[in-house]
């Protein structure tokens, strides 16, 4: 996760993890809220289906997604990255 980016978007893959650029600052949970909102919108899931499992206070986060398959996530991420 890279906070305070120009716009919220996927930034590719680095070290087997997605890079997410967030427009939100990393203060008072704003970046965490933004990442949950972003994945909910990207995957067309209700906000309650996206949960930060670990890393709430760091740049590297693990996110749990309910109601979507890993293959669907791969396809959506691939399309969002333009590849």
C-alpha atoms as a PDB file:
ATOM      1  CA  UNK A   1       0.000   0.000   0.000  1.00  0.00           C
ATOM      2  CA  UNK A   2       1.271   3.438  -0.934  1.00  0.00           C
ATOM      3  CA  UNK A   3      -0.721   6.212   0.763  1.00  0.00           C
ATOM      4  CA  UNK A   4      -1.082   9.798  -0.482  1.00  0.00           C
ATOM      5  CA  UNK A   5      -0.875   8.817  -4.136  1.00  0.00           C
ATOM      6  CA  UNK A   6      -2.355  11.040  -6.810  1.00  0.00           C
ATOM      7  CA  UNK A   7      -5.277   8.643  -7.258  1.00  0.00           C
ATOM      8  CA  UNK A   8      -6.409   5.316  -5.867  1.00  0.00           C
ATOM      9  CA  UNK A   9      -5.454   2.485  -8.212  1.00  0.00           C
ATOM     10  CA  UNK A  10      -3.594  -0.789  -8.482  1.00  0.00           C
ATOM     11  CA  UNK A  11       0.112  -0.341  -9.052  1.00  0.00           C
ATOM     12  CA  UNK A  12       1.062  -3.810 -10.235  1.00  0.00           C
ATOM     13  CA  UNK A  13       2.697  -6.661  -8.338  1.00  0.00           C
ATOM     14  CA  UNK A  14       5.828  -6.504  -6.198  1.00  0.00           C
ATOM     15  CA  UNK A  15       7.264  -9.406  -4.175  1.00  0.00           C
ATOM     16  CA  UNK A  16       4.187 -11.568  -4.907  1.00  0.00           C
ATOM     17  CA  UNK A  17       1.851  -8.913  -3.484  1.00  0.00           C
ATOM     18  CA  UNK A  18      -0.459  -6.383  -5.094  1.00  0.00           C
ATOM     19  CA  UNK A  19       0.667  -2.783  -4.880  1.00  0.00           C
ATOM     20  CA  UNK A  20      -2.246  -0.469  -4.165  1.00  0.00           C
ATOM     21  CA  UNK A  21      -1.790   3.270  -4.440  1.00  0.00           C
ATOM     22  CA  UNK A  22      -4.226   5.153  -2.227  1.00  0.00           C
ATOM     23  CA  UNK A  23      -5.144   8.809  -2.388  1.00  0.00           C
ATOM     24  CA  UNK A  24      -5.998   8.715   1.326  1.00  0.00           C
ATOM     25  CA  UNK A  25      -3.409   9.627   3.965  1.00  0.00           C
ATOM     26  CA  UNK A  26      -2.299   7.030   6.532  1.00  0.00           C
ATOM     27  CA  UNK A  27      -3.863   8.881   9.481  1.00  0.00           C
ATOM     28  CA  UNK A  28      -6.761   7.906  11.741  1.00  0.00           C
ATOM     29  CA  UNK A  29      -7.556   4.812   9.673  1.00  0.00           C
ATOM     30  CA  UNK A  30      -8.311   6.759   6.487  1.00  0.00           C
ATOM     31  CA  UNK A  31      -6.055   4.576   4.332  1.00  0.00           C
ATOM     32  CA  UNK A  32      -7.548   1.380   5.786  1.00  0.00           C
ATOM     33  CA  UNK A  33     -11.068   2.626   5.064  1.00  0.00           C
ATOM     34  CA  UNK A  34     -10.009   3.610   1.544  1.00  0.00           C
ATOM     35  CA  UNK A  35      -8.502   0.202   0.790  1.00  0.00           C
ATOM     36  CA  UNK A  36     -11.649  -1.583   1.983  1.00  0.00           C
ATOM     37  CA  UNK A  37     -13.809   0.760  -0.120  1.00  0.00           C
ATOM     38  CA  UNK A  38     -11.540   0.308  -3.143  1.00  0.00           C
ATOM     39  CA  UNK A  39     -11.618  -3.496  -3.109  1.00  0.00           C
ATOM     40  CA  UNK A  40     -15.361  -3.549  -2.455  1.00  0.00           C
ATOM     41  CA  UNK A  41     -15.941  -1.321  -5.488  1.00  0.00           C
ATOM     42  CA  UNK A  42     -13.358  -3.079  -7.682  1.00  0.00           C
ATOM     43  CA  UNK A  43     -14.814  -6.523  -6.999  1.00  0.00           C
ATOM     44  CA  UNK A  44     -18.440  -5.354  -6.745  1.00  0.00           C
ATOM     45  CA  UNK A  45     -18.783  -6.704  -3.233  1.00  0.00           C
ATOM     46  CA  UNK A  46     -20.610  -5.261  -0.249  1.00  0.00           C
ATOM     47  CA  UNK A  47     -18.236  -3.390   2.016  1.00  0.00           C
ATOM     48  CA  UNK A  48     -18.803  -5.933   4.801  1.00  0.00           C
ATOM     49  CA  UNK A  49     -17.317  -8.661   2.538  1.00  0.00           C
ATOM     50  CA  UNK A  50     -13.877  -6.980   2.594  1.00  0.00           C
ATOM     51  CA  UNK A  51     -11.868  -7.181   5.806  1.00  0.00           C
ATOM     52  CA  UNK A  52      -8.288  -6.367   6.762  1.00  0.00           C
ATOM     53  CA  UNK A  53      -6.962  -9.513   8.430  1.00  0.00           C
ATOM     54  CA  UNK A  54      -3.522  -8.219   9.396  1.00  0.00           C
ATOM     55  CA  UNK A  55      -1.304  -5.208   8.880  1.00  0.00           C
ATOM     56  CA  UNK A  56      -3.727  -2.481   9.901  1.00  0.00           C
ATOM     57  CA  UNK A  57      -0.859  -0.303  11.088  1.00  0.00           C
ATOM     58  CA  UNK A  58       1.653  -1.108   8.345  1.00  0.00           C
ATOM     59  CA  UNK A  59       2.056  -0.868   4.592  1.00  0.00           C
ATOM     60  CA  UNK A  60       1.740  -4.623   4.011  1.00  0.00           C
ATOM     61  CA  UNK A  61      -1.795  -5.833   4.621  1.00  0.00           C
ATOM     62  CA  UNK A  62      -3.637  -9.118   4.263  1.00  0.00           C
ATOM     63  CA  UNK A  63      -7.208  -8.735   3.105  1.00  0.00           C
ATOM     64  CA  UNK A  64      -9.982 -11.324   3.320  1.00  0.00           C
ATOM     65  CA  UNK A  65     -12.650 -11.262   0.617  1.00  0.00           C
ATOM     66  CA  UNK A  66     -15.938 -13.089   1.128  1.00  0.00           C
ATOM     67  CA  UNK A  67     -18.206 -14.177  -1.706  1.00  0.00           C
ATOM     68  CA  UNK A  68     -15.652 -14.145  -4.507  1.00  0.00           C
ATOM     69  CA  UNK A  69     -13.339 -16.813  -5.917  1.00  0.00           C
ATOM     70  CA  UNK A  70      -9.590 -16.444  -6.256  1.00  0.00           C
ATOM     71  CA  UNK A  71      -9.936 -16.822 -10.025  1.00  0.00           C
ATOM     72  CA  UNK A  72     -12.422 -13.956 -10.192  1.00  0.00           C
ATOM     73  CA  UNK A  73     -10.052 -11.769  -8.177  1.00  0.00           C
ATOM     74  CA  UNK A  74      -7.186 -12.635 -10.545  1.00  0.00           C
ATOM     75  CA  UNK A  75      -9.294 -11.744 -13.588  1.00  0.00           C
ATOM     76  CA  UNK A  76     -10.484  -8.433 -12.144  1.00  0.00           C
ATOM     77  CA  UNK A  77      -6.972  -7.458 -11.030  1.00  0.00           C
ATOM     78  CA  UNK A  78      -5.569  -8.395 -14.411  1.00  0.00           C
ATOM     79  CA  UNK A  79      -8.200  -6.263 -16.147  1.00  0.00           C
ATOM     80  CA  UNK A  80      -7.615  -3.349 -13.748  1.00  0.00           C
ATOM     81  CA  UNK A  81      -3.886  -3.476 -14.461  1.00  0.00           C
ATOM     82  CA  UNK A  82      -4.552  -3.439 -18.181  1.00  0.00           C
ATOM     83  CA  UNK A  83      -2.779  -6.717 -18.889  1.00  0.00           C
END
